[in-house]
């Protein structure tokens, strides 16, 4: 049981995170760096680690994440979903707690594409009557 590894994949926006949970002391790394140095802002780190906080399993797993694509908030969302899915593999009884907090749902919102004739996706050029 001590050397079991629970792995899952999480996605958000353009980011993909491969998460591996291993029973340990609570060390969390993202792309080889410690999570606070990689994600920088504390609110982003808190959002990424919400499944651990909600399920009261802080300090029981070493978490290793490999993230690709997107920015910091997208990667944090991908890490969050990946951790939640891996915890579900570890213990199916956590499903109700994770589901109640909305951590098992993939956030499908993506950036809207830019349309021709506009400045951005919806922003228009200033209208001039004369």
N, C-alpha and C. Protein backbone atom coordinates (compact mmCIF):
# COMPACT_ATOMS: atom_id res chain seq x y z
N UNK A 1 0.83 -1.20 0.00
CA UNK A 1 0.00 0.00 0.00
C UNK A 1 0.87 1.26 0.00
N UNK A 2 2.05 1.19 0.63
CA UNK A 2 2.89 2.38 0.79
C UNK A 2 3.43 2.89 -0.54
N UNK A 3 3.62 1.99 -1.51
CA UNK A 3 4.19 2.43 -2.78
C UNK A 3 3.15 2.51 -3.90
N UNK A 4 1.88 2.62 -3.55
CA UNK A 4 0.84 2.80 -4.56
C UNK A 4 0.86 4.24 -5.05
N UNK A 5 0.63 4.40 -6.35
CA UNK A 5 0.58 5.73 -6.95
C UNK A 5 -0.78 5.88 -7.62
N UNK A 6 -1.46 6.98 -7.32
CA UNK A 6 -2.77 7.29 -7.90
C UNK A 6 -2.57 8.43 -8.88
N UNK A 7 -2.85 8.19 -10.16
CA UNK A 7 -2.62 9.23 -11.15
C UNK A 7 -3.90 9.58 -11.89
N UNK A 8 -4.00 10.83 -12.28
CA UNK A 8 -5.17 11.33 -13.02
C UNK A 8 -4.77 12.55 -13.83
N UNK A 9 -5.62 12.90 -14.76
CA UNK A 9 -5.38 14.06 -15.63
C UNK A 9 -6.48 15.09 -15.43
N UNK A 10 -6.10 16.36 -15.35
CA UNK A 10 -7.06 17.44 -15.24
C UNK A 10 -6.84 18.45 -16.36
N UNK A 11 -7.93 19.09 -16.79
CA UNK A 11 -7.83 20.09 -17.86
C UNK A 11 -8.63 21.33 -17.50
N UNK A 12 -8.13 22.49 -17.97
CA UNK A 12 -8.84 23.75 -17.80
C UNK A 12 -8.30 24.72 -18.83
N UNK A 13 -9.18 25.40 -19.57
CA UNK A 13 -8.78 26.28 -20.66
C UNK A 13 -7.85 25.52 -21.60
N UNK A 14 -6.62 25.98 -21.80
CA UNK A 14 -5.67 25.29 -22.68
C UNK A 14 -4.67 24.45 -21.89
N UNK A 15 -4.84 24.37 -20.57
CA UNK A 15 -3.89 23.69 -19.70
C UNK A 15 -4.25 22.23 -19.49
N UNK A 16 -3.22 21.40 -19.40
CA UNK A 16 -3.38 19.98 -19.08
C UNK A 16 -2.40 19.66 -17.96
N UNK A 17 -2.90 19.02 -16.90
CA UNK A 17 -2.05 18.64 -15.77
C UNK A 17 -2.15 17.15 -15.53
N UNK A 18 -1.00 16.49 -15.47
CA UNK A 18 -0.94 15.09 -15.10
C UNK A 18 -0.52 15.05 -13.64
N UNK A 19 -1.36 14.48 -12.79
CA UNK A 19 -1.15 14.51 -11.34
C UNK A 19 -0.89 13.09 -10.84
N UNK A 20 0.13 12.95 -9.98
CA UNK A 20 0.41 11.66 -9.33
C UNK A 20 0.41 11.86 -7.82
N UNK A 21 -0.44 11.11 -7.12
CA UNK A 21 -0.50 11.13 -5.66
C UNK A 21 0.20 9.89 -5.13
N UNK A 22 1.08 10.10 -4.16
CA UNK A 22 1.81 9.00 -3.55
C UNK A 22 1.78 9.22 -2.05
N UNK A 23 1.44 8.22 -1.25
CA UNK A 23 1.44 8.41 0.20
C UNK A 23 2.80 8.93 0.67
N UNK A 24 2.77 9.99 1.49
CA UNK A 24 4.03 10.60 1.92
C UNK A 24 3.81 11.68 2.94
N UNK A 25 4.68 12.70 2.88
CA UNK A 25 4.72 13.72 3.92
C UNK A 25 3.99 15.01 3.56
N UNK A 26 3.51 15.15 2.33
CA UNK A 26 2.79 16.36 1.96
C UNK A 26 3.57 17.29 1.04
N UNK A 27 4.63 16.80 0.43
CA UNK A 27 5.44 17.61 -0.48
C UNK A 27 4.72 17.73 -1.82
N UNK A 28 4.59 18.96 -2.34
CA UNK A 28 3.85 19.19 -3.58
C UNK A 28 4.77 19.89 -4.58
N UNK A 29 4.97 19.26 -5.74
CA UNK A 29 5.81 19.86 -6.78
C UNK A 29 5.03 19.98 -8.08
N UNK A 30 5.32 21.05 -8.81
CA UNK A 30 4.72 21.28 -10.12
C UNK A 30 5.87 21.53 -11.09
N UNK A 31 6.00 20.69 -12.10
CA UNK A 31 7.09 20.77 -13.08
C UNK A 31 8.46 20.84 -12.41
N UNK A 32 8.64 20.08 -11.35
CA UNK A 32 9.94 20.02 -10.67
C UNK A 32 10.18 21.11 -9.65
N UNK A 33 9.29 22.09 -9.56
CA UNK A 33 9.45 23.19 -8.60
C UNK A 33 8.43 23.05 -7.48
N UNK A 34 8.71 23.67 -6.35
CA UNK A 34 7.76 23.68 -5.23
C UNK A 34 6.55 24.52 -5.65
N UNK A 35 5.35 24.14 -5.23
CA UNK A 35 4.11 24.74 -5.76
C UNK A 35 4.03 26.25 -5.52
N UNK A 36 4.51 26.74 -4.37
CA UNK A 36 4.43 28.18 -4.09
C UNK A 36 5.34 28.99 -5.00
N UNK A 37 6.48 28.43 -5.40
CA UNK A 37 7.37 29.17 -6.30
C UNK A 37 6.88 29.09 -7.74
N UNK A 38 6.21 28.00 -8.11
CA UNK A 38 5.74 27.85 -9.49
C UNK A 38 4.49 28.69 -9.75
N UNK A 39 3.49 28.60 -8.86
CA UNK A 39 2.23 29.31 -9.09
C UNK A 39 2.23 30.75 -8.56
N UNK A 40 3.24 31.13 -7.79
CA UNK A 40 3.47 32.51 -7.33
C UNK A 40 2.40 33.05 -6.38
N UNK A 41 1.18 33.27 -6.87
CA UNK A 41 0.16 33.93 -6.06
C UNK A 41 -0.55 32.94 -5.13
N UNK A 42 -0.80 33.37 -3.91
CA UNK A 42 -1.35 32.49 -2.88
C UNK A 42 -2.78 32.06 -3.20
N UNK A 43 -3.59 32.95 -3.80
CA UNK A 43 -4.97 32.58 -4.12
C UNK A 43 -5.02 31.50 -5.21
N UNK A 44 -4.05 31.49 -6.11
CA UNK A 44 -3.99 30.47 -7.15
C UNK A 44 -3.57 29.14 -6.54
N UNK A 45 -2.62 29.18 -5.60
CA UNK A 45 -2.16 27.97 -4.91
C UNK A 45 -3.31 27.37 -4.11
N UNK A 46 -4.06 28.22 -3.41
CA UNK A 46 -5.20 27.76 -2.61
C UNK A 46 -6.26 27.09 -3.50
N UNK A 47 -6.52 27.68 -4.67
CA UNK A 47 -7.50 27.11 -5.60
C UNK A 47 -7.04 25.75 -6.11
N UNK A 48 -5.73 25.61 -6.35
CA UNK A 48 -5.20 24.35 -6.86
C UNK A 48 -5.28 23.23 -5.82
N UNK A 49 -5.15 23.58 -4.55
CA UNK A 49 -5.11 22.57 -3.49
C UNK A 49 -6.44 22.40 -2.76
N UNK A 50 -7.51 22.94 -3.30
CA UNK A 50 -8.80 22.86 -2.65
C UNK A 50 -9.29 21.42 -2.40
N UNK A 51 -9.08 20.47 -3.33
CA UNK A 51 -9.54 19.10 -3.05
C UNK A 51 -8.89 18.48 -1.82
N UNK A 52 -7.62 18.77 -1.60
CA UNK A 52 -6.91 18.25 -0.42
C UNK A 52 -7.50 18.85 0.85
N UNK A 53 -7.76 20.17 0.79
CA UNK A 53 -8.31 20.89 1.96
C UNK A 53 -9.72 20.40 2.30
N UNK A 54 -10.56 20.22 1.27
CA UNK A 54 -11.95 19.81 1.47
C UNK A 54 -12.04 18.39 2.02
N UNK A 55 -11.15 17.51 1.56
CA UNK A 55 -11.22 16.10 1.97
C UNK A 55 -10.43 15.80 3.24
N UNK A 56 -9.85 16.82 3.87
CA UNK A 56 -9.08 16.69 5.13
C UNK A 56 -7.95 15.67 5.02
N UNK A 57 -7.23 15.69 3.91
CA UNK A 57 -6.10 14.78 3.71
C UNK A 57 -4.78 15.53 3.59
N UNK A 58 -4.71 16.74 4.13
CA UNK A 58 -3.49 17.54 4.04
C UNK A 58 -2.34 16.85 4.75
N UNK A 59 -1.20 16.80 4.07
CA UNK A 59 -0.01 16.21 4.65
C UNK A 59 0.09 14.70 4.53
N UNK A 60 -0.85 14.05 3.87
CA UNK A 60 -0.82 12.59 3.77
C UNK A 60 -0.30 12.10 2.43
N UNK A 61 -0.23 13.00 1.42
CA UNK A 61 0.22 12.61 0.09
C UNK A 61 1.33 13.51 -0.40
N UNK A 62 2.28 12.92 -1.13
CA UNK A 62 3.22 13.69 -1.93
C UNK A 62 2.58 13.81 -3.31
N UNK A 63 2.50 15.03 -3.81
CA UNK A 63 1.83 15.27 -5.08
C UNK A 63 2.86 15.78 -6.09
N UNK A 64 2.90 15.11 -7.24
CA UNK A 64 3.80 15.51 -8.32
C UNK A 64 2.96 15.83 -9.54
N UNK A 65 3.05 17.06 -10.05
CA UNK A 65 2.24 17.49 -11.18
C UNK A 65 3.14 17.87 -12.36
N UNK A 66 2.69 17.54 -13.54
CA UNK A 66 3.35 18.00 -14.77
C UNK A 66 2.30 18.77 -15.54
N UNK A 67 2.53 20.08 -15.73
CA UNK A 67 1.56 20.96 -16.40
C UNK A 67 2.10 21.43 -17.73
N UNK A 68 1.20 21.52 -18.70
CA UNK A 68 1.57 22.05 -20.01
C UNK A 68 0.46 22.96 -20.50
N UNK A 69 0.85 24.04 -21.17
CA UNK A 69 -0.10 24.93 -21.82
C UNK A 69 -0.80 25.88 -20.88
N UNK A 70 -1.32 26.97 -21.46
CA UNK A 70 -2.10 27.94 -20.69
C UNK A 70 -1.29 28.78 -19.74
N UNK A 71 -2.01 29.50 -18.88
CA UNK A 71 -1.38 30.36 -17.89
C UNK A 71 -1.51 29.78 -16.49
N UNK A 72 -1.22 30.61 -15.50
CA UNK A 72 -1.19 30.12 -14.12
C UNK A 72 -2.57 29.71 -13.62
N UNK A 73 -3.60 30.51 -13.88
CA UNK A 73 -4.92 30.16 -13.35
C UNK A 73 -5.49 28.93 -14.05
N UNK A 74 -5.23 28.79 -15.34
CA UNK A 74 -5.66 27.60 -16.05
C UNK A 74 -4.95 26.36 -15.55
N UNK A 75 -3.66 26.48 -15.30
CA UNK A 75 -2.90 25.35 -14.78
C UNK A 75 -3.34 24.99 -13.37
N UNK A 76 -3.68 26.00 -12.55
CA UNK A 76 -4.18 25.74 -11.20
C UNK A 76 -5.51 24.99 -11.26
N UNK A 77 -6.39 25.38 -12.17
CA UNK A 77 -7.65 24.67 -12.33
C UNK A 77 -7.46 23.24 -12.80
N UNK A 78 -6.48 23.04 -13.69
CA UNK A 78 -6.19 21.69 -14.18
C UNK A 78 -5.62 20.82 -13.06
N UNK A 79 -4.75 21.40 -12.23
CA UNK A 79 -4.19 20.68 -11.08
C UNK A 79 -5.30 20.30 -10.11
N UNK A 80 -6.21 21.23 -9.86
CA UNK A 80 -7.33 20.99 -8.95
C UNK A 80 -8.17 19.80 -9.41
N UNK A 81 -8.53 19.77 -10.70
CA UNK A 81 -9.33 18.67 -11.22
C UNK A 81 -8.55 17.36 -11.19
N UNK A 82 -7.27 17.43 -11.50
CA UNK A 82 -6.43 16.23 -11.48
C UNK A 82 -6.31 15.64 -10.09
N UNK A 83 -6.12 16.49 -9.08
CA UNK A 83 -6.03 16.02 -7.69
C UNK A 83 -7.35 15.41 -7.25
N UNK A 84 -8.46 16.06 -7.61
CA UNK A 84 -9.79 15.54 -7.23
C UNK A 84 -10.03 14.17 -7.85
N UNK A 85 -9.66 14.00 -9.10
CA UNK A 85 -9.86 12.71 -9.77
C UNK A 85 -8.96 11.63 -9.17
N UNK A 86 -7.73 11.99 -8.82
CA UNK A 86 -6.80 11.04 -8.21
C UNK A 86 -7.28 10.63 -6.81
N UNK A 87 -7.83 11.58 -6.06
CA UNK A 87 -8.39 11.26 -4.74
C UNK A 87 -9.58 10.32 -4.86
N UNK A 88 -10.33 10.47 -5.93
CA UNK A 88 -11.47 9.59 -6.17
C UNK A 88 -11.00 8.15 -6.43
N UNK A 89 -9.86 8.01 -7.11
CA UNK A 89 -9.29 6.67 -7.33
C UNK A 89 -8.80 6.10 -6.00
N UNK A 90 -8.23 6.98 -5.15
CA UNK A 90 -7.74 6.55 -3.84
C UNK A 90 -8.88 6.06 -2.95
N UNK A 91 -9.97 6.84 -2.87
CA UNK A 91 -11.09 6.48 -2.00
C UNK A 91 -12.40 6.98 -2.62
N UNK A 92 -13.25 6.06 -3.05
CA UNK A 92 -14.52 6.40 -3.71
C UNK A 92 -15.49 7.09 -2.74
N UNK A 93 -15.28 6.93 -1.44
CA UNK A 93 -16.15 7.55 -0.43
C UNK A 93 -16.03 9.08 -0.44
N UNK A 94 -14.95 9.62 -1.02
CA UNK A 94 -14.75 11.07 -1.07
C UNK A 94 -15.60 11.72 -2.17
N UNK A 95 -16.28 10.91 -2.98
CA UNK A 95 -17.05 11.44 -4.10
C UNK A 95 -18.09 12.48 -3.68
N UNK A 96 -18.85 12.20 -2.63
CA UNK A 96 -19.89 13.13 -2.19
C UNK A 96 -19.32 14.48 -1.78
N UNK A 97 -18.22 14.46 -1.03
CA UNK A 97 -17.60 15.70 -0.57
C UNK A 97 -17.05 16.51 -1.75
N UNK A 98 -16.36 15.83 -2.65
CA UNK A 98 -15.78 16.52 -3.81
C UNK A 98 -16.86 17.04 -4.75
N UNK A 99 -17.91 16.24 -4.95
CA UNK A 99 -19.00 16.63 -5.84
C UNK A 99 -19.76 17.84 -5.28
N UNK A 100 -19.99 17.83 -3.95
CA UNK A 100 -20.71 18.92 -3.30
C UNK A 100 -19.97 20.25 -3.46
N UNK A 101 -18.64 20.20 -3.49
CA UNK A 101 -17.84 21.41 -3.66
C UNK A 101 -17.54 21.73 -5.11
N UNK A 102 -18.11 20.96 -6.04
CA UNK A 102 -17.95 21.24 -7.47
C UNK A 102 -16.56 20.98 -8.01
N UNK A 103 -15.84 20.02 -7.42
CA UNK A 103 -14.45 19.78 -7.81
C UNK A 103 -14.29 18.66 -8.83
N UNK A 104 -15.36 17.96 -9.16
CA UNK A 104 -15.27 16.86 -10.12
C UNK A 104 -15.77 17.27 -11.51
N UNK A 105 -16.23 18.50 -11.66
CA UNK A 105 -16.76 18.97 -12.93
C UNK A 105 -15.68 19.72 -13.69
N UNK A 106 -15.46 19.35 -14.94
CA UNK A 106 -14.49 20.04 -15.76
C UNK A 106 -15.07 21.37 -16.20
N UNK A 107 -14.36 22.46 -15.96
CA UNK A 107 -14.82 23.78 -16.35
C UNK A 107 -14.60 23.93 -17.85
N UNK A 108 -15.66 23.91 -18.63
CA UNK A 108 -15.56 23.85 -20.09
C UNK A 108 -15.44 25.21 -20.75
N UNK A 109 -15.42 26.28 -19.96
CA UNK A 109 -15.34 27.61 -20.57
C UNK A 109 -14.00 27.82 -21.27
N UNK A 110 -14.06 28.29 -22.50
CA UNK A 110 -12.85 28.55 -23.28
C UNK A 110 -12.90 29.99 -23.77
N UNK A 111 -11.77 30.48 -24.24
CA UNK A 111 -11.69 31.84 -24.76
C UNK A 111 -12.46 31.90 -26.07
N UNK A 112 -13.32 32.91 -26.20
CA UNK A 112 -14.11 33.07 -27.41
C UNK A 112 -13.21 33.59 -28.53
N UNK A 113 -13.40 33.10 -29.73
CA UNK A 113 -12.52 33.49 -30.83
C UNK A 113 -12.80 34.92 -31.30
N UNK A 114 -11.78 35.54 -31.88
CA UNK A 114 -11.92 36.88 -32.44
C UNK A 114 -12.66 36.78 -33.77
N UNK A 115 -13.63 37.69 -33.97
CA UNK A 115 -14.37 37.71 -35.23
C UNK A 115 -13.81 38.81 -36.14
N UNK A 116 -13.94 38.59 -37.44
CA UNK A 116 -13.45 39.60 -38.39
C UNK A 116 -14.32 40.85 -38.31
N UNK A 117 -13.72 42.00 -38.51
CA UNK A 117 -14.45 43.26 -38.44
C UNK A 117 -14.55 43.83 -37.03
N UNK A 118 -14.07 43.08 -36.03
CA UNK A 118 -14.11 43.54 -34.64
C UNK A 118 -12.69 43.65 -34.10
N UNK A 119 -12.54 44.39 -32.99
CA UNK A 119 -11.24 44.55 -32.36
C UNK A 119 -10.85 43.25 -31.64
N UNK A 120 -11.78 42.73 -30.83
CA UNK A 120 -11.56 41.47 -30.13
C UNK A 120 -12.77 40.58 -30.41
N UNK A 121 -13.09 39.67 -29.50
CA UNK A 121 -14.21 38.76 -29.75
C UNK A 121 -15.54 39.50 -29.87
N UNK A 122 -15.75 40.48 -29.00
CA UNK A 122 -17.01 41.23 -29.02
C UNK A 122 -16.82 42.74 -29.12
N UNK A 123 -15.64 43.22 -28.78
CA UNK A 123 -15.40 44.67 -28.79
C UNK A 123 -15.38 45.20 -30.23
N UNK A 124 -16.09 46.30 -30.43
CA UNK A 124 -16.18 46.89 -31.76
C UNK A 124 -15.34 48.15 -31.87
N UNK A 125 -15.07 48.53 -33.11
CA UNK A 125 -14.43 49.82 -33.35
C UNK A 125 -15.45 50.91 -33.04
N UNK A 126 -14.97 52.10 -32.64
CA UNK A 126 -15.88 53.18 -32.29
C UNK A 126 -16.69 53.63 -33.50
N UNK A 127 -18.01 53.75 -33.30
CA UNK A 127 -18.90 54.17 -34.36
C UNK A 127 -18.83 55.67 -34.56
N UNK A 128 -18.68 56.10 -35.80
CA UNK A 128 -18.66 57.53 -36.12
C UNK A 128 -19.81 57.84 -37.05
N UNK A 129 -20.70 58.72 -36.59
CA UNK A 129 -21.88 59.04 -37.40
C UNK A 129 -21.51 59.95 -38.57
N UNK A 130 -20.56 60.84 -38.36
CA UNK A 130 -20.16 61.77 -39.42
C UNK A 130 -18.66 61.78 -39.59
